[in-house]
Amino acid sequence: MTTRRYQSGEVDYDGHISRRGDNHLRGLLYEAATVILTRAMADSALRTWGLKLKEKIGFKRAAVAVARKLAVIMHAMLRTGEFFDRSVVVEG
């Protein structure tokens, strides 16, 4: 779930999220994101961000964005050994 990059001369554009990586893992991340957006009762900064995004761009695209952000958060947790904090969201 990486962004496609377009670079030409002075243009440097991060495009849409691609479908690179393991299909099963992407599916699990998307499923977790839909649960965060639809069924989770615990309020978190990630859920709030995703719901705001849903109003702008629609549910499916917001779920993909939440899934990518969730992957980034989990990678940072693995790298640093920290526990998940619901009140903190990775910028971007």
C-alpha atoms as a PDB file:
ATOM      1  CA  MET A   1       0.000   0.000   0.000  1.00  0.00           C
ATOM      2  CA  THR A   2       2.481   2.568  -1.180  1.00  0.00           C
ATOM      3  CA  THR A   3       1.759   5.741  -3.083  1.00  0.00           C
ATOM      4  CA  ARG A   4       2.656   5.817  -6.742  1.00  0.00           C
ATOM      5  CA  ARG A   5       5.323   8.378  -7.480  1.00  0.00           C
ATOM      6  CA  TYR A   6       5.518  10.484 -10.634  1.00  0.00           C
ATOM      7  CA  GLN A   7       8.711  12.469 -11.227  1.00  0.00           C
ATOM      8  CA  SER A   8       9.527  14.405 -14.363  1.00  0.00           C
ATOM      9  CA  GLY A   9      11.720  17.486 -14.432  1.00  0.00           C
ATOM     10  CA  GLU A  10      10.405  19.843 -11.768  1.00  0.00           C
ATOM     11  CA  VAL A  11       7.309  17.729 -11.049  1.00  0.00           C
ATOM     12  CA  ASP A  12       7.327  15.405  -8.036  1.00  0.00           C
ATOM     13  CA  TYR A  13       3.859  13.977  -7.418  1.00  0.00           C
ATOM     14  CA  ASP A  14       2.752  11.316  -4.932  1.00  0.00           C
ATOM     15  CA  GLY A  15      -0.190   9.671  -6.623  1.00  0.00           C
ATOM     16  CA  HIS A  16      -2.816   7.165  -5.628  1.00  0.00           C
ATOM     17  CA  ILE A  17      -2.180   4.189  -3.371  1.00  0.00           C
ATOM     18  CA  SER A  18      -0.999   1.229  -5.439  1.00  0.00           C
ATOM     19  CA  ARG A  19      -1.819  -2.450  -5.011  1.00  0.00           C
ATOM     20  CA  ARG A  20       1.726  -3.562  -4.283  1.00  0.00           C
ATOM     21  CA  GLY A  21       2.521  -6.065  -1.568  1.00  0.00           C
ATOM     22  CA  ASP A  22       0.905  -9.212  -0.260  1.00  0.00           C
ATOM     23  CA  ASN A  23      -2.775  -9.587  -1.241  1.00  0.00           C
ATOM     24  CA  HIS A  24      -3.746 -11.300   2.000  1.00  0.00           C
ATOM     25  CA  LEU A  25      -2.093  -8.675   4.196  1.00  0.00           C
ATOM     26  CA  ARG A  26      -3.700  -5.850   2.223  1.00  0.00           C
ATOM     27  CA  GLY A  27      -7.087  -7.533   2.665  1.00  0.00           C
ATOM     28  CA  LEU A  28      -6.586  -7.896   6.406  1.00  0.00           C
ATOM     29  CA  LEU A  29      -5.529  -4.246   6.747  1.00  0.00           C
ATOM     30  CA  TYR A  30      -8.574  -3.128   4.742  1.00  0.00           C
ATOM     31  CA  GLU A  31     -10.855  -5.277   6.907  1.00  0.00           C
ATOM     32  CA  ALA A  32      -9.339  -3.806  10.077  1.00  0.00           C
ATOM     33  CA  ALA A  33      -9.823  -0.299   8.678  1.00  0.00           C
ATOM     34  CA  THR A  34     -13.501  -0.959   7.910  1.00  0.00           C
ATOM     35  CA  VAL A  35     -14.009  -2.228  11.460  1.00  0.00           C
ATOM     36  CA  ILE A  36     -12.330   0.911  12.828  1.00  0.00           C
ATOM     37  CA  LEU A  37     -14.626   3.098  10.723  1.00  0.00           C
ATOM     38  CA  THR A  38     -17.890   1.211  11.241  1.00  0.00           C
ATOM     39  CA  ARG A  39     -17.981  -0.913  14.403  1.00  0.00           C
ATOM     40  CA  ALA A  40     -15.371   0.420  16.810  1.00  0.00           C
ATOM     41  CA  MET A  41     -16.903   2.157  19.810  1.00  0.00           C
ATOM     42  CA  ALA A  42     -13.615   3.351  21.306  1.00  0.00           C
ATOM     43  CA  ASP A  43     -12.851   6.839  20.075  1.00  0.00           C
ATOM     44  CA  SER A  44      -9.385   7.281  18.635  1.00  0.00           C
ATOM     45  CA  ALA A  45      -7.569   9.904  16.624  1.00  0.00           C
ATOM     46  CA  LEU A  46      -7.249   7.408  13.739  1.00  0.00           C
ATOM     47  CA  ARG A  47     -11.014   6.799  13.681  1.00  0.00           C
ATOM     48  CA  THR A  48     -11.799  10.515  13.869  1.00  0.00           C
ATOM     49  CA  TRP A  49      -9.392  11.208  10.996  1.00  0.00           C
ATOM     50  CA  GLY A  50     -10.902   8.390   8.930  1.00  0.00           C
ATOM     51  CA  LEU A  51     -14.479   9.537   9.490  1.00  0.00           C
ATOM     52  CA  LYS A  52     -13.599  13.082   8.408  1.00  0.00           C
ATOM     53  CA  LEU A  53     -11.922  11.674   5.321  1.00  0.00           C
ATOM     54  CA  LYS A  54     -14.990   9.501   4.612  1.00  0.00           C
ATOM     55  CA  GLU A  55     -17.142  12.620   4.355  1.00  0.00           C
ATOM     56  CA  LYS A  56     -14.790  14.089   1.737  1.00  0.00           C
ATOM     57  CA  ILE A  57     -13.839  11.144  -0.481  1.00  0.00           C
ATOM     58  CA  GLY A  58     -16.210   8.288   0.319  1.00  0.00           C
ATOM     59  CA  PHE A  59     -16.082   5.157   2.440  1.00  0.00           C
ATOM     60  CA  LYS A  60     -13.933   2.821   0.332  1.00  0.00           C
ATOM     61  CA  ARG A  61     -11.173   5.317  -0.383  1.00  0.00           C
ATOM     62  CA  ALA A  62     -11.147   6.433   3.256  1.00  0.00           C
ATOM     63  CA  ALA A  63     -10.886   2.797   4.378  1.00  0.00           C
ATOM     64  CA  VAL A  64      -7.857   2.300   2.119  1.00  0.00           C
ATOM     65  CA  ALA A  65      -6.255   5.445   3.555  1.00  0.00           C
ATOM     66  CA  VAL A  66      -6.941   4.269   7.121  1.00  0.00           C
ATOM     67  CA  ALA A  67      -5.514   0.841   6.239  1.00  0.00           C
ATOM     68  CA  ARG A  68      -2.320   2.414   4.954  1.00  0.00           C
ATOM     69  CA  LYS A  69      -2.017   4.633   8.021  1.00  0.00           C
ATOM     70  CA  LEU A  70      -2.629   1.591  10.225  1.00  0.00           C
ATOM     71  CA  ALA A  71       0.197  -0.243   8.433  1.00  0.00           C
ATOM     72  CA  VAL A  72       2.533   2.708   9.031  1.00  0.00           C
ATOM     73  CA  ILE A  73       1.580   2.818  12.721  1.00  0.00           C
ATOM     74  CA  MET A  74       2.110  -0.923  13.153  1.00  0.00           C
ATOM     75  CA  HIS A  75       5.482  -0.766  11.411  1.00  0.00           C
ATOM     76  CA  ALA A  76       6.588   2.052  13.712  1.00  0.00           C
ATOM     77  CA  MET A  77       5.405   0.046  16.733  1.00  0.00           C
ATOM     78  CA  LEU A  78       7.446  -2.973  15.616  1.00  0.00           C
ATOM     79  CA  ARG A  79      10.493  -0.819  14.966  1.00  0.00           C
ATOM     80  CA  THR A  80      10.443   1.057  18.280  1.00  0.00           C
ATOM     81  CA  GLY A  81       8.782  -1.504  20.567  1.00  0.00           C
ATOM     82  CA  GLU A  82       6.195   1.005  21.778  1.00  0.00           C
ATOM     83  CA  PHE A  83       2.554   0.193  22.531  1.00  0.00           C
ATOM     84  CA  PHE A  84      -0.402   1.627  20.606  1.00  0.00           C
ATOM     85  CA  ASP A  85      -1.704   4.999  21.828  1.00  0.00           C
ATOM     86  CA  ARG A  86      -5.222   5.809  20.590  1.00  0.00           C
ATOM     87  CA  SER A  87      -4.766   9.549  20.989  1.00  0.00           C
ATOM     88  CA  VAL A  88      -1.764   9.809  18.639  1.00  0.00           C
ATOM     89  CA  VAL A  89      -2.041   9.642  14.842  1.00  0.00           C
ATOM     90  CA  VAL A  90       0.867   9.558  12.405  1.00  0.00           C
ATOM     91  CA  GLU A  91       0.714  12.726  10.301  1.00  0.00           C
ATOM     92  CA  GLY A  92       0.140  12.435   6.588  1.00  0.00           C
END
